[in-house]
């Protein structure tokens, strides 16, 4: 199936909704709850991790001989930014949607508050 297509009404879900509401996604046309398939999530996470490792390796080489006291932090920060940018982009491009499961809402029972006797 094509990326970002509702499996019920076959309408394309906007990329912004897929990335912003990936856990609470609802089809804008038919209103059915949707979720992103596990392989799409795994692929995006793996691509983000690979990008983070490549950026960390390149930044580590660049800042290896730097005399600045906090130079060791920059490869970690840059790799975090790479992961944070690449994973949503890959998810937006490859998100395979499936119908979401309707989870039961937990029933909250009211219990009487315990009042100690004086």
N, C-alpha and C. Protein backbone atom coordinates (compact mmCIF):
# COMPACT_ATOMS: atom_id res chain seq x y z
N UNK A 1 0.84 -1.17 0.00
CA UNK A 1 0.00 0.00 0.00
C UNK A 1 0.90 1.24 0.00
N UNK A 2 0.41 2.30 -0.54
CA UNK A 2 1.17 3.55 -0.61
C UNK A 2 1.33 4.16 0.78
N UNK A 3 2.33 5.01 0.89
CA UNK A 3 2.61 5.64 2.17
C UNK A 3 1.51 6.64 2.53
N UNK A 4 1.14 6.65 3.81
CA UNK A 4 0.18 7.60 4.39
C UNK A 4 -1.22 7.50 3.80
N UNK A 5 -1.66 6.31 3.44
CA UNK A 5 -3.00 6.11 2.89
C UNK A 5 -3.85 5.39 3.93
N UNK A 6 -5.03 5.93 4.20
CA UNK A 6 -5.96 5.30 5.13
C UNK A 6 -6.42 3.96 4.54
N UNK A 7 -6.30 2.86 5.27
CA UNK A 7 -6.70 1.57 4.70
C UNK A 7 -8.22 1.41 4.58
N UNK A 8 -8.99 2.29 5.22
CA UNK A 8 -10.44 2.18 5.16
C UNK A 8 -11.03 2.94 3.97
N UNK A 9 -10.68 4.22 3.84
CA UNK A 9 -11.27 5.05 2.78
C UNK A 9 -10.28 5.34 1.64
N UNK A 10 -9.04 4.90 1.75
CA UNK A 10 -8.00 5.04 0.73
C UNK A 10 -7.66 6.49 0.39
N UNK A 11 -7.85 7.39 1.35
CA UNK A 11 -7.46 8.78 1.18
C UNK A 11 -6.09 9.00 1.81
N UNK A 12 -5.31 9.88 1.21
CA UNK A 12 -3.98 10.17 1.71
C UNK A 12 -4.10 11.07 2.94
N UNK A 13 -3.42 10.67 4.02
CA UNK A 13 -3.38 11.47 5.25
C UNK A 13 -2.22 12.44 5.12
N UNK A 14 -2.42 13.71 5.43
CA UNK A 14 -1.35 14.70 5.30
C UNK A 14 -0.13 14.32 6.15
N UNK A 15 1.05 14.63 5.61
CA UNK A 15 2.30 14.27 6.25
C UNK A 15 2.44 14.94 7.62
N UNK A 16 1.95 16.14 7.76
CA UNK A 16 2.04 16.84 9.04
C UNK A 16 1.28 16.12 10.14
N UNK A 17 0.12 15.59 9.82
CA UNK A 17 -0.66 14.84 10.81
C UNK A 17 0.02 13.54 11.19
N UNK A 18 0.64 12.89 10.22
CA UNK A 18 1.32 11.62 10.51
C UNK A 18 2.47 11.83 11.47
N UNK A 19 3.25 12.87 11.25
CA UNK A 19 4.42 13.12 12.10
C UNK A 19 4.01 13.72 13.44
N UNK A 20 3.08 14.65 13.44
CA UNK A 20 2.72 15.33 14.68
C UNK A 20 1.84 14.48 15.59
N UNK A 21 0.93 13.70 15.02
CA UNK A 21 -0.02 12.92 15.81
C UNK A 21 0.18 11.42 15.60
N UNK A 22 1.41 10.95 15.59
CA UNK A 22 1.66 9.55 15.27
C UNK A 22 1.05 8.59 16.28
N UNK A 23 0.83 9.01 17.52
CA UNK A 23 0.23 8.12 18.51
C UNK A 23 -1.28 8.28 18.59
N UNK A 24 -1.82 9.40 18.19
CA UNK A 24 -3.26 9.66 18.24
C UNK A 24 -3.78 10.05 16.87
N UNK A 25 -3.46 9.27 15.87
CA UNK A 25 -3.78 9.61 14.49
C UNK A 25 -5.21 9.20 14.15
N UNK A 26 -5.94 10.12 13.51
CA UNK A 26 -7.30 9.87 13.06
C UNK A 26 -7.38 10.30 11.60
N UNK A 27 -8.04 9.49 10.78
CA UNK A 27 -8.20 9.83 9.37
C UNK A 27 -9.04 11.10 9.24
N UNK A 28 -8.57 12.10 8.48
CA UNK A 28 -9.34 13.33 8.34
C UNK A 28 -10.63 13.15 7.53
N UNK A 29 -10.72 12.09 6.70
CA UNK A 29 -11.92 11.88 5.89
C UNK A 29 -12.97 11.02 6.60
N UNK A 30 -12.59 9.80 7.00
CA UNK A 30 -13.58 8.89 7.57
C UNK A 30 -13.62 8.91 9.09
N UNK A 31 -12.62 9.49 9.75
CA UNK A 31 -12.62 9.61 11.20
C UNK A 31 -12.22 8.36 11.95
N UNK A 32 -11.72 7.34 11.25
CA UNK A 32 -11.31 6.10 11.91
C UNK A 32 -9.95 6.30 12.58
N UNK A 33 -9.75 5.65 13.73
CA UNK A 33 -8.43 5.74 14.37
C UNK A 33 -7.41 4.95 13.56
N UNK A 34 -6.24 5.55 13.37
CA UNK A 34 -5.17 4.92 12.60
C UNK A 34 -3.92 4.81 13.46
N UNK A 35 -3.07 3.89 13.09
CA UNK A 35 -1.77 3.80 13.73
C UNK A 35 -0.73 3.47 12.67
N UNK A 36 0.49 3.85 12.96
CA UNK A 36 1.60 3.60 12.05
C UNK A 36 2.08 2.18 12.31
N UNK A 37 2.31 1.43 11.25
CA UNK A 37 2.71 0.04 11.41
C UNK A 37 4.09 -0.05 12.06
N UNK A 38 4.31 -1.15 12.74
CA UNK A 38 5.59 -1.37 13.43
C UNK A 38 6.79 -1.36 12.48
N UNK A 39 6.71 -2.01 11.30
CA UNK A 39 7.87 -1.95 10.40
C UNK A 39 8.23 -0.52 9.98
N UNK A 40 7.23 0.34 9.80
CA UNK A 40 7.52 1.73 9.45
C UNK A 40 8.22 2.45 10.60
N UNK A 41 7.77 2.21 11.81
CA UNK A 41 8.41 2.81 12.98
C UNK A 41 9.84 2.30 13.14
N UNK A 42 10.03 1.00 12.96
CA UNK A 42 11.37 0.43 13.10
C UNK A 42 12.31 0.96 12.03
N UNK A 43 11.82 1.07 10.81
CA UNK A 43 12.64 1.59 9.72
C UNK A 43 13.07 3.03 10.00
N UNK A 44 12.15 3.86 10.46
CA UNK A 44 12.48 5.26 10.77
C UNK A 44 13.48 5.33 11.92
N UNK A 45 13.28 4.53 12.95
CA UNK A 45 14.21 4.54 14.08
C UNK A 45 15.59 4.06 13.67
N UNK A 46 15.65 3.01 12.87
CA UNK A 46 16.93 2.48 12.42
C UNK A 46 17.65 3.49 11.53
N UNK A 47 16.94 4.14 10.64
CA UNK A 47 17.56 5.15 9.77
C UNK A 47 18.08 6.32 10.60
N UNK A 48 17.32 6.74 11.61
CA UNK A 48 17.77 7.81 12.49
C UNK A 48 19.01 7.42 13.28
N UNK A 49 19.06 6.19 13.76
CA UNK A 49 20.24 5.72 14.50
C UNK A 49 21.47 5.63 13.60
N UNK A 50 21.29 5.17 12.37
CA UNK A 50 22.42 5.09 11.43
C UNK A 50 22.94 6.50 11.14
N UNK A 51 22.04 7.44 10.91
CA UNK A 51 22.46 8.83 10.68
C UNK A 51 23.18 9.39 11.91
N UNK A 52 22.69 9.08 13.10
CA UNK A 52 23.33 9.57 14.32
C UNK A 52 24.73 8.99 14.48
N UNK A 53 24.91 7.73 14.17
CA UNK A 53 26.24 7.12 14.27
C UNK A 53 27.21 7.75 13.27
N UNK A 54 26.75 7.98 12.05
CA UNK A 54 27.61 8.59 11.04
C UNK A 54 28.00 10.01 11.45
N UNK A 55 27.04 10.78 11.95
CA UNK A 55 27.33 12.15 12.38
C UNK A 55 28.25 12.13 13.60
N UNK A 56 28.03 11.22 14.53
CA UNK A 56 28.89 11.13 15.71
C UNK A 56 30.32 10.80 15.29
N UNK A 57 30.47 9.86 14.36
CA UNK A 57 31.80 9.46 13.90
C UNK A 57 32.51 10.64 13.23
N UNK A 58 31.80 11.35 12.35
CA UNK A 58 32.40 12.48 11.65
C UNK A 58 32.75 13.61 12.62
N UNK A 59 31.87 13.90 13.57
CA UNK A 59 32.14 14.97 14.53
C UNK A 59 33.27 14.57 15.49
N UNK A 60 33.34 13.30 15.84
CA UNK A 60 34.43 12.85 16.71
C UNK A 60 35.78 13.02 16.04
N UNK A 61 35.83 12.73 14.75
CA UNK A 61 37.09 12.92 14.01
C UNK A 61 37.46 14.41 13.95
N UNK A 62 36.46 15.24 13.77
CA UNK A 62 36.71 16.68 13.62
C UNK A 62 37.16 17.32 14.93
N UNK A 63 36.54 16.92 16.04
CA UNK A 63 36.82 17.55 17.33
C UNK A 63 37.79 16.72 18.18
N UNK A 64 38.47 15.73 17.62
CA UNK A 64 39.35 14.85 18.40
C UNK A 64 40.54 15.60 19.00
N UNK A 65 41.12 16.52 18.28
CA UNK A 65 42.31 17.22 18.76
C UNK A 65 42.02 18.63 19.24
N UNK A 66 40.76 18.92 19.52
CA UNK A 66 40.39 20.24 19.97
C UNK A 66 40.72 20.40 21.45
N UNK A 67 41.25 21.53 21.83
CA UNK A 67 41.65 21.74 23.22
C UNK A 67 40.53 22.33 24.08
N UNK A 68 39.39 22.58 23.50
CA UNK A 68 38.26 23.12 24.23
C UNK A 68 37.75 22.06 25.21
N UNK A 69 37.45 22.44 26.44
CA UNK A 69 37.11 21.49 27.49
C UNK A 69 35.83 20.69 27.19
N UNK A 70 34.89 21.29 26.51
CA UNK A 70 33.63 20.60 26.23
C UNK A 70 33.52 20.09 24.80
N UNK A 71 34.63 19.91 24.14
CA UNK A 71 34.60 19.43 22.76
C UNK A 71 34.05 18.00 22.65
N UNK A 72 34.15 17.24 23.70
CA UNK A 72 33.64 15.87 23.67
C UNK A 72 32.12 15.83 23.62
N UNK A 73 31.44 16.91 24.01
CA UNK A 73 29.98 16.95 24.02
C UNK A 73 29.42 17.16 22.62
N UNK A 74 30.13 17.88 21.77
CA UNK A 74 29.59 18.23 20.46
C UNK A 74 29.21 17.03 19.59
N UNK A 75 30.01 15.96 19.51
CA UNK A 75 29.56 14.81 18.72
C UNK A 75 28.25 14.21 19.23
N UNK A 76 28.06 14.20 20.52
CA UNK A 76 26.83 13.67 21.09
C UNK A 76 25.64 14.57 20.74
N UNK A 77 25.83 15.86 20.87
CA UNK A 77 24.75 16.80 20.55
C UNK A 77 24.40 16.74 19.07
N UNK A 78 25.40 16.72 18.22
CA UNK A 78 25.15 16.66 16.78
C UNK A 78 24.47 15.34 16.39
N UNK A 79 24.87 14.24 17.01
CA UNK A 79 24.23 12.96 16.68
C UNK A 79 22.78 12.94 17.16
N UNK A 80 22.49 13.58 18.30
CA UNK A 80 21.11 13.69 18.77
C UNK A 80 20.27 14.49 17.77
N UNK A 81 20.83 15.60 17.28
CA UNK A 81 20.11 16.39 16.28
C UNK A 81 19.88 15.58 14.99
N UNK A 82 20.87 14.80 14.58
CA UNK A 82 20.71 13.97 13.38
C UNK A 82 19.58 12.96 13.56
N UNK A 83 19.55 12.30 14.71
CA UNK A 83 18.48 11.35 15.00
C UNK A 83 17.13 12.05 15.01
N UNK A 84 17.08 13.22 15.63
CA UNK A 84 15.82 13.96 15.76
C UNK A 84 15.30 14.50 14.44
N UNK A 85 16.16 14.65 13.47
CA UNK A 85 15.75 15.16 12.16
C UNK A 85 15.47 14.03 11.19
N UNK A 86 16.34 13.04 11.14
CA UNK A 86 16.23 11.98 10.13
C UNK A 86 15.05 11.05 10.42
N UNK A 87 14.85 10.65 11.66
CA UNK A 87 13.77 9.70 11.98
C UNK A 87 12.39 10.22 11.58
N UNK A 88 12.00 11.46 11.91
CA UNK A 88 10.68 11.93 11.46
C UNK A 88 10.56 12.07 9.95
N UNK A 89 11.66 12.43 9.29
CA UNK A 89 11.60 12.56 7.83
C UNK A 89 11.36 11.20 7.19
N UNK A 90 12.09 10.19 7.64
CA UNK A 90 11.89 8.84 7.10
C UNK A 90 10.50 8.33 7.44
N UNK A 91 10.02 8.61 8.65
CA UNK A 91 8.68 8.20 9.02
C UNK A 91 7.63 8.88 8.15
N UNK A 92 7.83 10.16 7.85
CA UNK A 92 6.89 10.89 7.00
C UNK A 92 6.86 10.33 5.58
N UNK A 93 8.00 9.87 5.10
CA UNK A 93 8.06 9.36 3.72
C UNK A 93 7.60 7.92 3.59
N UNK A 94 7.74 7.12 4.64
CA UNK A 94 7.47 5.69 4.51
C UNK A 94 6.37 5.18 5.41
N UNK A 95 5.60 6.04 6.05
CA UNK A 95 4.60 5.59 7.03
C UNK A 95 3.51 4.77 6.37
N UNK A 96 3.40 3.52 6.79
CA UNK A 96 2.34 2.64 6.35
C UNK A 96 1.28 2.63 7.45
N UNK A 97 0.09 3.07 7.12
CA UNK A 97 -0.96 3.20 8.13
C UNK A 97 -1.83 1.95 8.17
N UNK A 98 -2.29 1.65 9.36
CA UNK A 98 -3.24 0.56 9.54
C UNK A 98 -4.31 1.02 10.51
N UNK A 99 -5.44 0.34 10.50
CA UNK A 99 -6.52 0.72 11.39
C UNK A 99 -6.09 0.52 12.83
N UNK A 100 -6.40 1.51 13.65
CA UNK A 100 -6.02 1.44 15.05
C UNK A 100 -6.98 0.58 15.84
N UNK A 101 -6.48 0.04 16.92
CA UNK A 101 -7.32 -0.75 17.79
C UNK A 101 -8.02 0.18 18.76
N UNK A 102 -9.27 -0.10 19.01
CA UNK A 102 -10.03 0.70 19.96
C UNK A 102 -9.74 0.11 21.33
N UNK A 103 -9.02 0.87 22.12
CA UNK A 103 -8.66 0.40 23.44
C UNK A 103 -9.77 0.75 24.43
N UNK A 104 -10.01 -0.15 25.32
CA UNK A 104 -11.05 0.08 26.32
C UNK A 104 -10.59 1.17 27.29
N UNK A 105 -11.48 2.08 27.54
CA UNK A 105 -11.19 3.15 28.49
C UNK A 105 -11.33 2.58 29.89
N UNK A 106 -10.32 2.73 30.73
CA UNK A 106 -10.44 2.16 32.08
C UNK A 106 -11.55 2.85 32.87
N UNK A 107 -12.28 2.04 33.59
CA UNK A 107 -13.37 2.56 34.40
C UNK A 107 -12.80 2.95 35.76
N UNK A 108 -13.02 4.20 36.11
CA UNK A 108 -12.54 4.69 37.40
C UNK A 108 -13.66 4.52 38.41
N UNK A 109 -13.41 3.75 39.43
CA UNK A 109 -14.41 3.60 40.47
C UNK A 109 -14.06 4.51 41.62
N UNK A 110 -15.06 5.14 42.13
CA UNK A 110 -14.87 6.04 43.24
C UNK A 110 -14.83 5.23 44.52
N UNK A 111 -13.81 5.43 45.29
CA UNK A 111 -13.72 4.78 46.59
C UNK A 111 -13.83 5.83 47.66
N UNK A 112 -14.45 5.43 48.72
CA UNK A 112 -14.62 6.37 49.83
C UNK A 112 -13.27 6.65 50.47
N UNK A 113 -13.03 7.90 50.75
CA UNK A 113 -11.77 8.26 51.39
C UNK A 113 -11.76 7.76 52.82
N UNK A 114 -10.63 7.25 53.22
CA UNK A 114 -10.49 6.74 54.58
C UNK A 114 -10.26 7.90 55.52
N UNK A 115 -11.15 8.05 56.48
CA UNK A 115 -11.02 9.12 57.47
C UNK A 115 -10.73 8.47 58.82
N UNK A 116 -9.57 8.73 59.35
CA UNK A 116 -9.26 8.14 60.65
C UNK A 116 -10.14 8.74 61.74
N UNK A 117 -10.56 7.92 62.67
CA UNK A 117 -11.38 8.42 63.77
C UNK A 117 -10.50 9.09 64.80
N UNK A 118 -10.99 10.12 65.38
CA UNK A 118 -10.21 10.88 66.35
C UNK A 118 -10.57 10.49 67.73
